[in-house]
Amino acid sequence: MIIYGFEPQRLRGKEFLFMKNIIFVLLVLFIVSCGPHDSITYVNNSTKKISVVCNTNSKSDRYSFMEFYIDSSRYILPKNEYVDRGGLDQNHFHKLLRASPTHKLFIYIFNVDSLIKYHKVDQKFYQMPKFIQQKMYDTLYAFSLEQLDSLKWIVAYSSK
């Protein structure tokens, strides 16, 4: 069938795969772009290297691998910032807040030098739950969704 002098052609082989891939990429981009802004920016205004633990429980025992928090690729250097996108789940922090019994997000700020110093004491390796239970963090923030929205999801830390 010819419409206005235009004769449609069938896509074959490589052309078909190319168009199929283009449509797939556009669909993925559309899906990823939907939904609420879901990342937290941590700003380190201090002179210390810091590490951050984020949870919905003020008595956290989920985070145990200390090596994760003292790894130089994971901590935040002085006068720097880090954007935490919550992994692959786009609505990660919103889901955490909805699931939390208190509807709060608890953010623990640790001095990395203290974590390294006290990680191994008396031939015992202390893990993150011990640091949290003994309140060895520099600062603990507890934010609701409304508070995080008012802060534009930016948590700025300045040392005491």
Protein backbone atom coordinates (compact mmCIF):
# COMPACT_ATOMS: atom_id res chain seq x y z
CA MET A 1 0.00 0.00 0.00
CA ILE A 2 1.34 3.42 -0.96
CA ILE A 3 0.32 6.51 1.00
CA TYR A 4 1.11 9.93 -0.48
CA GLY A 5 4.01 8.54 -2.44
CA PHE A 6 5.53 6.82 0.62
CA GLU A 7 6.09 3.13 0.52
CA PRO A 8 6.75 1.55 3.93
CA GLN A 9 9.71 -0.76 4.17
CA ARG A 10 10.13 -3.68 6.46
CA LEU A 11 13.00 -3.50 8.91
CA ARG A 12 15.27 -6.49 8.60
CA GLY A 13 18.12 -8.00 10.57
CA LYS A 14 20.42 -5.38 12.09
CA GLU A 15 17.99 -2.51 11.45
CA PHE A 16 15.25 -4.30 13.41
CA LEU A 17 17.59 -5.04 16.34
CA PHE A 18 18.82 -1.45 16.35
CA MET A 19 15.26 -0.05 16.51
CA LYS A 20 14.33 -2.59 19.18
CA ASN A 21 17.34 -1.52 21.30
CA ILE A 22 16.49 2.19 20.84
CA ILE A 23 12.92 1.60 22.02
CA PHE A 24 14.19 -0.40 25.02
CA VAL A 25 16.64 2.35 26.06
CA LEU A 26 13.95 5.03 25.74
CA LEU A 27 11.55 2.94 27.82
CA VAL A 28 14.15 2.41 30.56
CA LEU A 29 14.98 6.13 30.61
CA PHE A 30 11.30 6.98 30.92
CA ILE A 31 10.77 4.56 33.81
CA VAL A 32 13.91 5.71 35.65
CA SER A 33 12.96 9.38 35.30
CA CYS A 34 9.59 8.82 37.02
CA GLY A 35 9.10 8.95 40.76
CA PRO A 36 10.26 11.16 43.61
CA HIS A 37 13.74 12.56 44.04
CA ASP A 38 15.35 9.90 46.17
CA SER A 39 18.89 10.66 47.16
CA ILE A 40 20.51 12.21 50.20
CA THR A 41 23.48 14.52 49.87
CA TYR A 42 25.82 14.47 52.85
CA VAL A 43 27.97 17.59 53.15
CA ASN A 44 31.03 17.35 55.38
CA ASN A 45 31.75 20.90 56.63
CA SER A 46 34.15 19.61 59.29
CA THR A 47 37.89 19.03 59.32
CA LYS A 48 37.38 15.28 59.96
CA LYS A 49 36.93 12.34 57.64
CA ILE A 50 33.44 11.01 58.30
CA SER A 51 31.44 7.91 57.56
CA VAL A 52 27.65 7.75 57.50
CA VAL A 53 25.18 5.04 58.53
CA CYS A 54 21.55 5.54 57.58
CA ASN A 55 18.74 3.43 59.05
CA THR A 56 15.13 3.57 60.26
CA ASN A 57 15.99 2.20 63.69
CA SER A 58 17.72 4.20 66.41
CA LYS A 59 19.18 0.99 67.87
CA SER A 60 20.57 -0.42 64.67
CA ASP A 61 22.27 -3.77 64.55
CA ARG A 62 22.03 -4.28 60.77
CA TYR A 63 25.35 -2.75 59.80
CA SER A 64 28.23 -4.91 60.89
CA PHE A 65 31.00 -4.77 58.33
CA MET A 66 33.33 -2.12 59.74
CA GLU A 67 35.64 -2.44 56.76
CA PHE A 68 32.89 -0.96 54.61
CA TYR A 69 32.86 2.26 56.67
CA ILE A 70 36.61 2.72 57.00
CA ASP A 71 37.39 2.05 53.33
CA SER A 72 38.84 5.21 51.80
CA SER A 73 36.45 4.96 48.85
CA ARG A 74 33.43 5.11 51.21
CA TYR A 75 34.15 7.88 53.68
CA ILE A 76 33.62 11.59 53.08
CA LEU A 77 36.68 13.79 53.17
CA PRO A 78 36.65 17.19 54.93
CA LYS A 79 34.95 19.96 52.96
CA ASN A 80 33.45 17.43 50.52
CA GLU A 81 30.08 15.91 49.85
CA TYR A 82 28.66 12.54 48.91
CA VAL A 83 25.36 11.75 47.18
CA ASP A 84 23.76 8.55 48.46
CA ARG A 85 21.27 7.28 45.89
CA GLY A 86 20.16 4.34 48.03
CA GLY A 87 21.31 1.63 45.67
CA LEU A 88 19.32 0.49 42.65
CA ASP A 89 15.89 1.13 44.15
CA GLN A 90 14.81 4.63 43.05
CA ASN A 91 12.44 5.11 46.01
CA HIS A 92 14.76 3.59 48.59
CA PHE A 93 14.62 6.32 51.24
CA HIS A 94 10.89 6.97 50.80
CA LYS A 95 10.24 3.24 51.28
CA LEU A 96 12.46 3.18 54.38
CA LEU A 97 10.55 6.11 55.88
CA ARG A 98 7.15 4.55 55.13
CA ALA A 99 8.24 1.21 56.66
CA SER A 100 9.77 2.79 59.75
CA PRO A 101 7.65 2.53 62.93
CA THR A 102 8.67 6.10 63.84
CA HIS A 103 8.57 7.40 60.23
CA LYS A 104 12.05 8.77 60.79
CA LEU A 105 15.38 8.21 59.12
CA PHE A 106 18.27 7.95 61.58
CA ILE A 107 21.61 9.18 60.24
CA TYR A 108 24.71 8.37 62.27
CA ILE A 109 27.86 10.40 61.58
CA PHE A 110 31.13 8.73 62.62
CA ASN A 111 34.64 10.10 62.75
CA VAL A 112 36.62 7.67 60.57
CA ASP A 113 39.77 8.03 62.69
CA SER A 114 37.80 6.92 65.76
CA LEU A 115 36.38 3.93 63.89
CA ILE A 116 39.88 2.88 62.85
CA LYS A 117 41.29 3.45 66.34
CA TYR A 118 38.59 1.52 68.21
CA HIS A 119 37.86 -1.10 65.56
CA LYS A 120 40.40 -3.46 67.10
CA VAL A 121 40.83 -3.16 70.85
CA ASP A 122 42.15 -5.90 73.13
CA GLN A 123 42.38 -8.35 70.22
CA LYS A 124 38.62 -7.99 69.65
CA PHE A 125 37.18 -6.62 66.45
CA TYR A 126 34.32 -4.25 67.24
CA GLN A 127 31.70 -3.93 64.56
CA MET A 128 29.23 -1.16 63.81
CA PRO A 129 26.44 -2.36 66.17
CA LYS A 130 28.82 -1.99 69.11
CA PHE A 131 29.69 1.58 68.09
CA ILE A 132 26.01 2.46 67.78
CA GLN A 133 24.99 0.76 71.05
CA GLN A 134 27.76 2.55 72.94
CA LYS A 135 26.91 5.87 71.24
CA MET A 136 30.39 6.28 69.80
CA TYR A 137 29.07 8.32 66.89
CA ASP A 138 29.80 12.04 66.55
CA THR A 139 26.23 12.99 65.72
CA LEU A 140 22.86 11.33 65.35
CA TYR A 141 20.17 12.97 63.23
CA ALA A 142 16.55 11.81 63.12
CA PHE A 143 14.61 13.23 60.17
CA SER A 144 11.02 12.80 59.05
CA LEU A 145 10.05 12.98 55.38
CA GLU A 146 8.82 16.55 55.87
CA GLN A 147 12.11 17.58 57.48
CA LEU A 148 14.15 16.02 54.68
CA ASP A 149 11.95 17.75 52.11
CA SER A 150 12.48 21.10 53.84
CA LEU A 151 16.26 20.47 53.81
CA LYS A 152 16.02 19.51 50.12
CA TRP A 153 17.51 16.16 51.13
CA ILE A 154 20.85 17.76 52.05
CA VAL A 155 22.37 16.83 55.41
CA ALA A 156 25.20 19.15 56.36
CA TYR A 157 27.58 18.04 59.12
CA SER A 158 29.83 20.37 61.10
CA SER A 159 31.97 18.94 63.89
CA LYS A 160 31.21 19.78 67.49
